[in-house]
Structures are given as structure tokens and as C-alpha cells.
Amino acid sequence: MNLRRSSRDDRGVSVVVGTVLLIGMITMAMAVLGAAVLSTDLVDSPPRAEFVYQEDGNGTVAIGLTDVQKLTADGTEIKLEGEGSCGMWGSGGDLEEGAVTTVEDGDCPDSLEEGDVIQIIGAETLIDTYELRGVSGATYGADCTDEIDEKIDDGDPIVIQDGEVVECDLTDGDDRIDSPVTVRDGGELIGNISTTDEIKIDDGTVDGYVNSSKNFQLKDSSTIGGSVRLTGGGSDLTVEGGTDVGGSITTTDNDLNIVIDNTGSTIGSDITSDGSVTVKSDHNIQGSITATDDITLNDGSKVDDDVDAGDNDVTLKDTSIIQGNVTDADFVDCKGSSDVKGSINADTNC
């Protein structure tokens, strides 16, 4: 084998040209890597879901999905806060709207009791929580009476009032019924409502979720155990003072605004509006607020999580507080002694 010694006269690639080529190769490699990353789920948003919970009074809780993105059955864990795991949602692939699982007394490290908190964990992220109400004998999803079934079939109004307790879902399976529903004057529905018509809750209680594609009236110290969703209609969604909502409040379509009116309401999860959000005095929002228009908080109201107004303004008056961040807004205006505890991604005088 002949070995050849290089000499000083042998010419290779110059240092300058070599450096340029190296930078070019690195740039091309980064571009290819960036395209590969962008084409995967690595930059996707975290999983999101909305749940409903139904207790049967015998230590069993049914958990249903009303909206879901990027959750899998074998990647979704159910826990009992402070106690440990109750197991996975199930086996299989992606979870879809309408999926249901049950947690029984023996599934968790400790027995299920009133006041216990169930946690839903997906992709190592806390997705939702639910505090057991311990409703004795509540049979969510039970068959309605013949009288109510007939009203549902005919699209006639359903009224629950004067202390009456009804245990059934006012839904048509996965679809909506066409009857207007009123729960008033101490009436109680242990179940869910999903209708194409109007829902009126006036000094009444619905232990499940309420879903209307027309209009809502939530009045006079009413209680909604689950979520509130308005998917149509020509009127804003107004929650009057003293009305408590255990789940989220959502409006979609038609630039529908959300107003938490008067004083003293507690909203147990996120508010999402296809319009503006106005929170009057002394309300407690235990989740986030997201809107496509202005967000206004009045004296004494508090938001526990983040606020996102897009390209619109966020106004805090007097002693109102945002505990989280303002993730997006055009301008954040702090009046009086109001304050944002987290970061602000907008112009501001706070």
C-alpha cells in the first residue's frame, strides 16, 4: 500500500469557504428538523376536555365527556385527591365526546364519600376536578316518567317547581330534546338538560349540566352542578347574583356575551365566550376567562386562573383581582386598587 504525504502545496477547501459550507449545512439541518417537529404533536396544544359527573348514591360515579381534544383512554388517569389512583379511564385509543366511565367504591384507595375530590389527569396534566356531593339515591340517567316522556315526544314545556324533585336526564340520548325546560321555586332536577329550546332556572337546582341552543335564564340564587353551554340564540347568557355554577360556562356562535350579574356568584371552572365577558361585583371565578371581545371585572370580583381577551381590552375596577396571567390582550387597565398577580402580555397601566 502506497502512502502519500500531503504537502503544503496541496490545495483543499479554504477555511472561509469551509466555514460558510458548515453554516449552510447546519441551517439546512435545522430547517429539516424544524419541519419534522412542526409536523408532529410536539408543538400541539395540551389536552382539553369537559366532563359531567353523575352519582348514584351507592358509591359509584359515572364520568362522561361532553367535549374532548387529545385524550386517550389508556393515558387518562382518575385519582382521588390525597389518596391515590383509582385507575385509568380504560384501554384503547382516543377518547371521543360521549365516552363514559365509572368509578366504584372499590376502585380507589379509600371509599368514596361526600366532599371527596376526584381528579382527572391526562398527559400528566390536571384536566378537571369534581367534589362528590353525596346525593342519596340520585339515579342520574334514570328513565323519566311517562308524563315527562310524553312532553318530550310532543315538544311541550317541562316545568319542575314548588319543591318537586325529578330524577332523569332531559335529553334525547346524545341529541337534544325540543321542549323548553323550567326549574323554579325550589324545584330540583337530578340529571342533565340538553334542549333546542329555552332553559329557565329560577331559584331551582339542576345537579347535572345544562345545554341550550336557544336561550338561558339563570336567576335568583339557583344552582347548576355541572357546566352551562349556550350554542345559539339571540340573547346574551346572564347569570344573576347568587347563582352558583359548578362547572364551566361557554357560549359559541353569534357573538354571544356572558354577564355574571349582581353579586355573590361562584363559577367553578372556566368561562369561554364568543363575545365579551362582564363580571359584576363580588363574584368568584375559579377557572380562567377567554373571550373574543372585551373582558371587564368589577369591584371585589376575582379570577383564579388566566385571562385571554385576544386583541381586545381587559378592565379591572376597584378591588378586582386576576390571580393568574393575562396571556393576551390589547390593553389591560387597572383602576383603583385592582391588580394582576401574574404576568401581563399586553400594554398596561397596572
Protein backbone atom coordinates (compact mmCIF):
# COMPACT_ATOMS: atom_id res chain seq x y z
CA MET A 1 0.00 0.00 0.00
CA ASN A 2 1.42 3.37 -1.00
CA LEU A 3 1.09 6.20 1.49
CA ARG A 4 1.13 9.74 0.22
CA ARG A 5 2.22 12.59 2.43
CA SER A 6 0.36 15.81 1.83
CA SER A 7 2.41 18.84 1.12
CA ARG A 8 1.92 22.49 1.79
CA ASP A 9 1.21 22.96 -1.93
CA ASP A 10 -1.81 20.65 -1.92
CA ARG A 11 -4.96 22.80 -2.01
CA GLY A 12 -8.17 21.90 -0.12
CA VAL A 13 -11.22 23.91 0.78
CA SER A 14 -10.23 27.22 2.33
CA VAL A 15 -11.11 27.98 5.96
CA VAL A 16 -13.55 30.72 4.91
CA VAL A 17 -15.35 28.59 2.33
CA GLY A 18 -15.44 25.64 4.73
CA THR A 19 -16.99 27.77 7.44
CA VAL A 20 -19.67 29.02 5.03
CA LEU A 21 -20.42 25.46 3.92
CA LEU A 22 -20.65 24.30 7.54
CA ILE A 23 -23.07 27.09 8.44
CA GLY A 24 -25.14 26.22 5.37
CA MET A 25 -25.33 22.55 6.33
CA ILE A 26 -26.31 23.43 9.90
CA THR A 27 -29.02 25.80 8.63
CA MET A 28 -30.41 23.13 6.30
CA ALA A 29 -30.35 20.54 9.09
CA MET A 30 -32.19 22.89 11.45
CA ALA A 31 -34.79 23.61 8.77
CA VAL A 32 -35.40 19.90 8.21
CA LEU A 33 -35.56 19.27 11.96
CA GLY A 34 -37.94 22.21 12.45
CA ALA A 35 -40.25 20.92 9.73
CA ALA A 36 -40.22 17.48 11.32
CA VAL A 37 -41.07 18.91 14.74
CA LEU A 38 -43.85 21.08 13.35
CA SER A 39 -45.34 18.06 11.60
CA THR A 40 -45.67 16.16 14.88
CA ASP A 41 -47.71 16.62 18.02
CA LEU A 42 -44.71 18.02 19.91
CA VAL A 43 -45.93 21.60 19.40
CA ASP A 44 -49.62 20.81 19.72
CA SER A 45 -51.71 22.31 22.47
CA PRO A 46 -52.20 20.28 25.67
CA PRO A 47 -55.25 18.02 26.04
CA ARG A 48 -58.56 19.69 26.91
CA ALA A 49 -61.90 18.23 27.90
CA GLU A 50 -65.21 18.97 29.56
CA PHE A 51 -66.72 16.37 31.87
CA VAL A 52 -70.05 15.67 33.53
CA TYR A 53 -70.38 13.64 36.70
CA GLN A 54 -73.29 11.58 37.95
CA GLU A 55 -73.58 9.97 41.39
CA ASP A 56 -75.91 7.10 42.15
CA GLY A 57 -75.78 7.40 45.93
CA ASN A 58 -74.25 3.91 46.26
CA GLY A 59 -70.60 4.83 45.93
CA THR A 60 -70.50 4.84 42.12
CA VAL A 61 -69.70 7.89 40.00
CA ALA A 62 -70.25 7.95 36.23
CA ILE A 63 -67.98 10.34 34.34
CA GLY A 64 -68.93 11.45 30.83
CA LEU A 65 -67.21 13.56 28.17
CA THR A 66 -69.12 16.42 26.55
CA ASP A 67 -66.10 17.83 24.72
CA VAL A 68 -62.57 16.48 24.27
CA GLN A 69 -59.30 17.08 22.46
CA LYS A 70 -56.19 14.89 22.55
CA LEU A 71 -57.07 12.46 25.34
CA THR A 72 -56.63 8.70 25.17
CA ALA A 73 -58.37 6.12 27.33
CA ASP A 74 -55.14 4.46 28.45
CA GLY A 75 -53.48 7.84 29.04
CA THR A 76 -56.20 9.34 31.22
CA GLU A 77 -55.96 8.58 34.93
CA ILE A 78 -58.63 9.05 37.59
CA LYS A 79 -57.39 9.89 41.08
CA LEU A 80 -58.89 10.50 44.49
CA GLU A 81 -57.24 13.67 45.78
CA GLY A 82 -54.85 12.95 48.63
CA GLU A 83 -55.39 9.19 48.40
CA GLY A 84 -54.03 7.94 45.07
CA SER A 85 -55.08 6.36 41.80
CA CYS A 86 -58.49 4.88 41.01
CA GLY A 87 -57.18 3.52 37.70
CA MET A 88 -57.14 4.58 34.06
CA TRP A 89 -60.20 5.63 32.07
CA GLY A 90 -59.92 2.39 30.12
CA SER A 91 -57.96 0.69 27.38
CA GLY A 92 -57.87 1.60 23.73
CA GLY A 93 -57.29 4.72 21.70
CA ASP A 94 -58.56 8.28 21.53
CA LEU A 95 -61.46 9.38 23.72
CA GLU A 96 -64.42 10.96 21.96
CA GLU A 97 -67.39 13.06 23.00
CA GLY A 98 -69.98 10.84 24.68
CA ALA A 99 -67.46 8.43 26.23
CA VAL A 100 -68.39 7.31 29.75
CA THR A 101 -66.51 5.51 32.50
CA THR A 102 -67.46 4.66 36.07
CA VAL A 103 -65.59 4.81 39.35
CA GLU A 104 -66.84 2.43 42.01
CA ASP A 105 -66.20 2.42 45.73
CA GLY A 106 -63.61 -0.34 45.50
CA ASP A 107 -61.62 1.23 42.65
CA CYS A 108 -59.91 3.85 44.82
CA PRO A 109 -57.54 3.51 47.79
CA ASP A 110 -60.30 4.78 50.10
CA SER A 111 -64.09 4.66 50.00
CA LEU A 112 -65.89 7.46 48.14
CA GLU A 113 -67.61 9.91 50.47
CA GLU A 114 -69.27 13.31 50.26
CA GLY A 115 -66.60 16.00 50.00
CA ASP A 116 -64.00 13.75 48.34
CA VAL A 117 -62.44 15.23 45.20
CA ILE A 118 -61.99 13.22 42.01
CA GLN A 119 -59.16 14.36 39.74
CA ILE A 120 -58.81 13.67 36.01
CA ILE A 121 -55.19 13.53 34.82
CA GLY A 122 -54.25 13.46 31.13
CA ALA A 123 -50.74 13.68 29.70
CA GLU A 124 -49.50 14.34 33.26
CA THR A 125 -51.75 17.43 33.39
CA LEU A 126 -54.66 18.05 35.76
CA ILE A 127 -57.63 18.34 33.39
CA ASP A 128 -60.58 18.55 35.78
CA THR A 129 -61.76 18.03 39.36
CA TYR A 130 -65.11 17.13 40.87
CA GLU A 131 -66.21 17.23 44.51
CA LEU A 132 -68.61 14.46 45.46
CA ARG A 133 -71.97 15.80 46.57
CA GLY A 134 -73.18 12.55 48.13
CA VAL A 135 -76.68 12.85 46.66
CA SER A 136 -78.50 9.97 48.36
CA GLY A 137 -80.46 7.79 45.97
CA ALA A 138 -79.76 10.02 42.97
CA THR A 139 -80.12 7.95 39.81
CA TYR A 140 -78.75 10.16 37.06
CA GLY A 141 -79.85 8.93 33.66
CA ALA A 142 -82.89 7.11 35.06
CA ASP A 143 -85.98 6.74 32.91
CA CYS A 144 -88.31 9.72 33.04
CA THR A 145 -91.95 9.33 33.99
CA ASP A 146 -94.48 8.62 31.26
CA GLU A 147 -95.80 12.16 31.67
CA ILE A 148 -92.40 13.73 31.03
CA ASP A 149 -91.66 11.30 28.17
CA GLU A 150 -94.91 12.36 26.52
CA LYS A 151 -93.99 16.04 26.85
CA ILE A 152 -90.57 15.32 25.35
CA ASP A 153 -92.16 13.45 22.43
CA ASP A 154 -94.57 16.35 21.77
CA GLY A 155 -92.04 19.15 22.40
CA ASP A 156 -94.26 20.53 25.19
CA PRO A 157 -92.91 22.65 28.08
CA ILE A 158 -91.47 20.79 31.08
CA VAL A 159 -91.84 22.56 34.45
CA ILE A 160 -90.31 21.37 37.74
CA GLN A 161 -91.39 23.58 40.64
CA ASP A 162 -92.52 24.01 44.27
CA GLY A 163 -90.05 21.56 45.82
CA GLU A 164 -90.65 18.78 43.29
CA VAL A 165 -87.64 16.51 42.68
CA VAL A 166 -87.28 14.80 39.29
CA GLU A 167 -84.60 12.16 38.67
CA CYS A 168 -83.91 11.73 34.95
CA ASP A 169 -81.99 13.23 32.05
CA LEU A 170 -83.97 15.67 29.94
CA THR A 171 -82.03 14.69 26.83
CA ASP A 172 -82.61 12.51 23.80
CA GLY A 173 -79.64 10.20 24.14
CA ASP A 174 -76.77 12.10 22.56
CA ASP A 175 -79.21 14.58 20.99
CA ARG A 176 -81.31 17.45 22.31
CA ILE A 177 -84.98 17.41 23.13
CA ASP A 178 -87.21 20.13 21.66
CA SER A 179 -89.04 21.11 24.85
CA PRO A 180 -88.47 24.32 26.83
CA VAL A 181 -87.46 23.46 30.41
CA THR A 182 -88.19 25.46 33.59
CA VAL A 183 -86.93 24.62 37.08
CA ARG A 184 -88.19 27.14 39.66
CA ASP A 185 -89.31 27.85 43.22
CA GLY A 186 -87.31 25.10 44.92
CA GLY A 187 -87.71 22.51 42.18
CA GLU A 188 -84.79 20.15 41.58
CA LEU A 189 -83.66 18.08 38.62
CA ILE A 190 -81.21 15.28 39.38
CA GLY A 191 -79.96 14.88 35.84
CA ASN A 192 -78.93 16.83 32.75
CA ILE A 193 -80.74 19.13 30.33
CA SER A 194 -79.99 19.38 26.61
CA THR A 195 -82.62 21.14 24.51
CA THR A 196 -83.08 23.14 21.33
CA ASP A 197 -85.41 25.45 23.26
CA GLU A 198 -85.09 27.81 26.22
CA ILE A 199 -83.93 26.85 29.71
CA LYS A 200 -85.13 28.85 32.74
CA ILE A 201 -83.67 28.16 36.19
CA ASP A 202 -85.22 30.47 38.82
CA ASP A 203 -84.49 29.60 42.46
CA GLY A 204 -84.10 25.99 41.32
CA THR A 205 -81.42 23.31 41.22
CA VAL A 206 -80.04 21.19 38.39
CA ASP A 207 -77.43 18.72 39.61
CA GLY A 208 -76.12 17.96 36.10
CA TYR A 209 -75.20 20.05 33.07
CA VAL A 210 -77.48 22.37 31.07
CA ASN A 211 -77.15 22.84 27.32
CA SER A 212 -79.37 25.04 25.14
CA SER A 213 -79.23 26.15 21.51
CA LYS A 214 -81.74 28.96 22.11
CA ASN A 215 -81.66 30.99 25.36
CA PHE A 216 -80.90 30.79 29.07
CA GLN A 217 -82.32 32.47 32.16
CA LEU A 218 -80.33 31.67 35.32
CA LYS A 219 -81.95 33.67 38.11
CA ASP A 220 -82.33 34.25 41.83
CA SER A 221 -79.84 32.07 43.70
CA SER A 222 -80.12 28.98 41.53
CA THR A 223 -77.60 26.12 41.48
CA ILE A 224 -76.17 24.28 38.47
CA GLY A 225 -73.97 21.35 39.46
CA GLY A 226 -72.37 20.86 36.04
CA SER A 227 -71.49 23.01 33.05
CA VAL A 228 -73.59 25.62 31.23
CA ARG A 229 -73.40 25.80 27.43
CA LEU A 230 -75.28 28.11 25.05
CA THR A 231 -74.71 27.24 21.39
CA GLY A 232 -77.13 29.61 19.70
CA GLY A 233 -79.96 32.03 20.30
CA GLY A 234 -80.20 35.78 20.06
CA SER A 235 -79.73 36.73 23.72
CA ASP A 236 -76.64 37.00 25.90
CA LEU A 237 -76.12 34.48 28.69
CA THR A 238 -76.77 36.22 32.02
CA VAL A 239 -76.12 34.58 35.37
CA GLU A 240 -77.88 36.54 38.10
CA GLY A 241 -76.38 37.14 41.53
CA GLY A 242 -76.19 34.29 43.99
CA THR A 243 -76.41 31.63 41.27
CA ASP A 244 -73.63 29.06 41.58
CA VAL A 245 -72.33 27.02 38.64
CA GLY A 246 -70.16 24.03 39.50
CA GLY A 247 -68.69 23.60 36.01
CA SER A 248 -67.73 25.82 33.09
CA ILE A 249 -69.80 28.43 31.23
CA THR A 250 -69.47 28.52 27.44
CA THR A 251 -71.14 30.42 24.62
CA THR A 252 -70.48 29.61 20.97
CA ASP A 253 -71.87 31.19 17.79
CA ASN A 254 -73.50 34.56 17.15
CA ASP A 255 -71.13 36.73 19.25
CA LEU A 256 -72.96 35.81 22.45
CA ASN A 257 -71.79 37.73 25.52
CA ILE A 258 -71.64 36.41 29.08
CA VAL A 259 -72.69 38.56 32.04
CA ILE A 260 -72.24 37.47 35.66
CA ASP A 261 -74.72 39.96 37.09
CA ASN A 262 -75.45 41.47 40.51
CA THR A 263 -73.27 39.98 43.29
CA GLY A 264 -72.18 36.82 45.02
CA SER A 265 -71.96 34.05 42.40
CA THR A 266 -69.33 31.32 42.23
CA ILE A 267 -68.34 29.79 38.89
CA GLY A 268 -66.46 26.55 39.49
CA SER A 269 -64.48 26.36 36.25
CA ASP A 270 -63.62 28.27 33.05
CA ILE A 271 -65.69 30.94 31.27
CA THR A 272 -65.37 30.89 27.47
CA SER A 273 -67.30 33.44 25.41
CA ASP A 274 -67.79 34.03 21.70
CA GLY A 275 -68.20 37.68 22.65
CA SER A 276 -67.47 39.80 25.72
CA VAL A 277 -67.42 38.80 29.40
CA THR A 278 -68.61 41.14 32.15
CA VAL A 279 -68.25 40.08 35.77
CA LYS A 280 -70.10 42.40 38.16
CA SER A 281 -69.19 42.86 41.83
CA ASP A 282 -68.04 40.24 44.35
CA HIS A 283 -68.07 37.14 42.16
CA ASN A 284 -65.54 34.31 42.32
CA ILE A 285 -64.41 32.73 39.03
CA GLN A 286 -62.48 29.60 39.98
CA GLY A 287 -61.11 28.99 36.48
CA SER A 288 -59.95 31.08 33.52
CA ILE A 289 -61.74 33.59 31.28
CA THR A 290 -61.34 33.50 27.49
CA ALA A 291 -63.28 35.88 25.22
CA THR A 292 -63.30 37.20 21.66
CA ASP A 293 -64.23 40.70 22.91
CA ASP A 294 -63.57 42.89 25.96
CA ILE A 295 -63.36 41.44 29.48
CA THR A 296 -64.46 43.58 32.45
CA LEU A 297 -64.14 42.76 36.16
CA ASN A 298 -65.95 44.92 38.70
CA ASP A 299 -65.28 45.67 42.37
CA GLY A 300 -64.42 42.67 44.53
CA SER A 301 -64.52 40.04 41.79
CA LYS A 302 -61.69 37.53 41.50
CA VAL A 303 -60.42 35.25 38.73
CA ASP A 304 -58.27 32.37 39.96
CA ASP A 305 -56.66 31.46 36.62
CA ASP A 306 -55.54 33.16 33.38
CA VAL A 307 -57.41 35.73 31.29
CA ASP A 308 -57.29 35.94 27.46
CA ALA A 309 -59.10 38.70 25.55
CA GLY A 310 -57.34 38.28 22.21
CA ASP A 311 -56.86 41.69 20.59
CA ASN A 312 -59.32 43.34 22.97
CA ASP A 313 -59.15 45.15 26.31
CA VAL A 314 -59.20 43.84 29.87
CA THR A 315 -60.52 46.25 32.51
CA LEU A 316 -60.21 45.72 36.26
CA LYS A 317 -62.17 48.06 38.53
CA ASP A 318 -61.68 48.97 42.19
CA THR A 319 -60.55 45.86 44.13
CA SER A 320 -60.92 43.17 41.45
CA ILE A 321 -58.05 40.69 41.09
CA ILE A 322 -56.69 38.32 38.46
CA GLN A 323 -54.63 35.69 40.26
CA GLY A 324 -53.17 34.24 37.05
CA ASN A 325 -51.71 35.79 33.91
CA VAL A 326 -53.20 37.96 31.20
CA THR A 327 -51.99 35.82 28.32
CA ASP A 328 -53.29 38.04 25.50
CA ALA A 329 -54.96 41.47 25.28
CA ASP A 330 -54.61 44.83 23.57
CA PHE A 331 -54.57 46.86 26.79
CA VAL A 332 -55.00 45.97 30.47
CA ASP A 333 -56.49 48.82 32.51
CA CYS A 334 -56.18 48.58 36.31
CA LYS A 335 -58.40 51.06 38.14
CA GLY A 336 -58.35 51.77 41.86
CA SER A 337 -56.53 49.07 43.82
CA SER A 338 -57.23 46.28 41.31
CA ASP A 339 -54.32 44.03 40.44
CA VAL A 340 -52.98 41.27 38.19
CA LYS A 341 -50.84 38.87 40.24
CA GLY A 342 -49.30 37.10 37.24
CA SER A 343 -47.63 38.34 34.07
CA ILE A 344 -49.28 40.62 31.50
CA ASN A 345 -48.77 40.09 27.78
CA ALA A 346 -50.16 43.48 26.71
CA ASP A 347 -49.77 47.21 27.16
CA THR A 348 -50.89 48.10 30.67
CA ASN A 349 -51.01 50.67 33.44
CA CYS A 350 -51.16 48.00 36.16
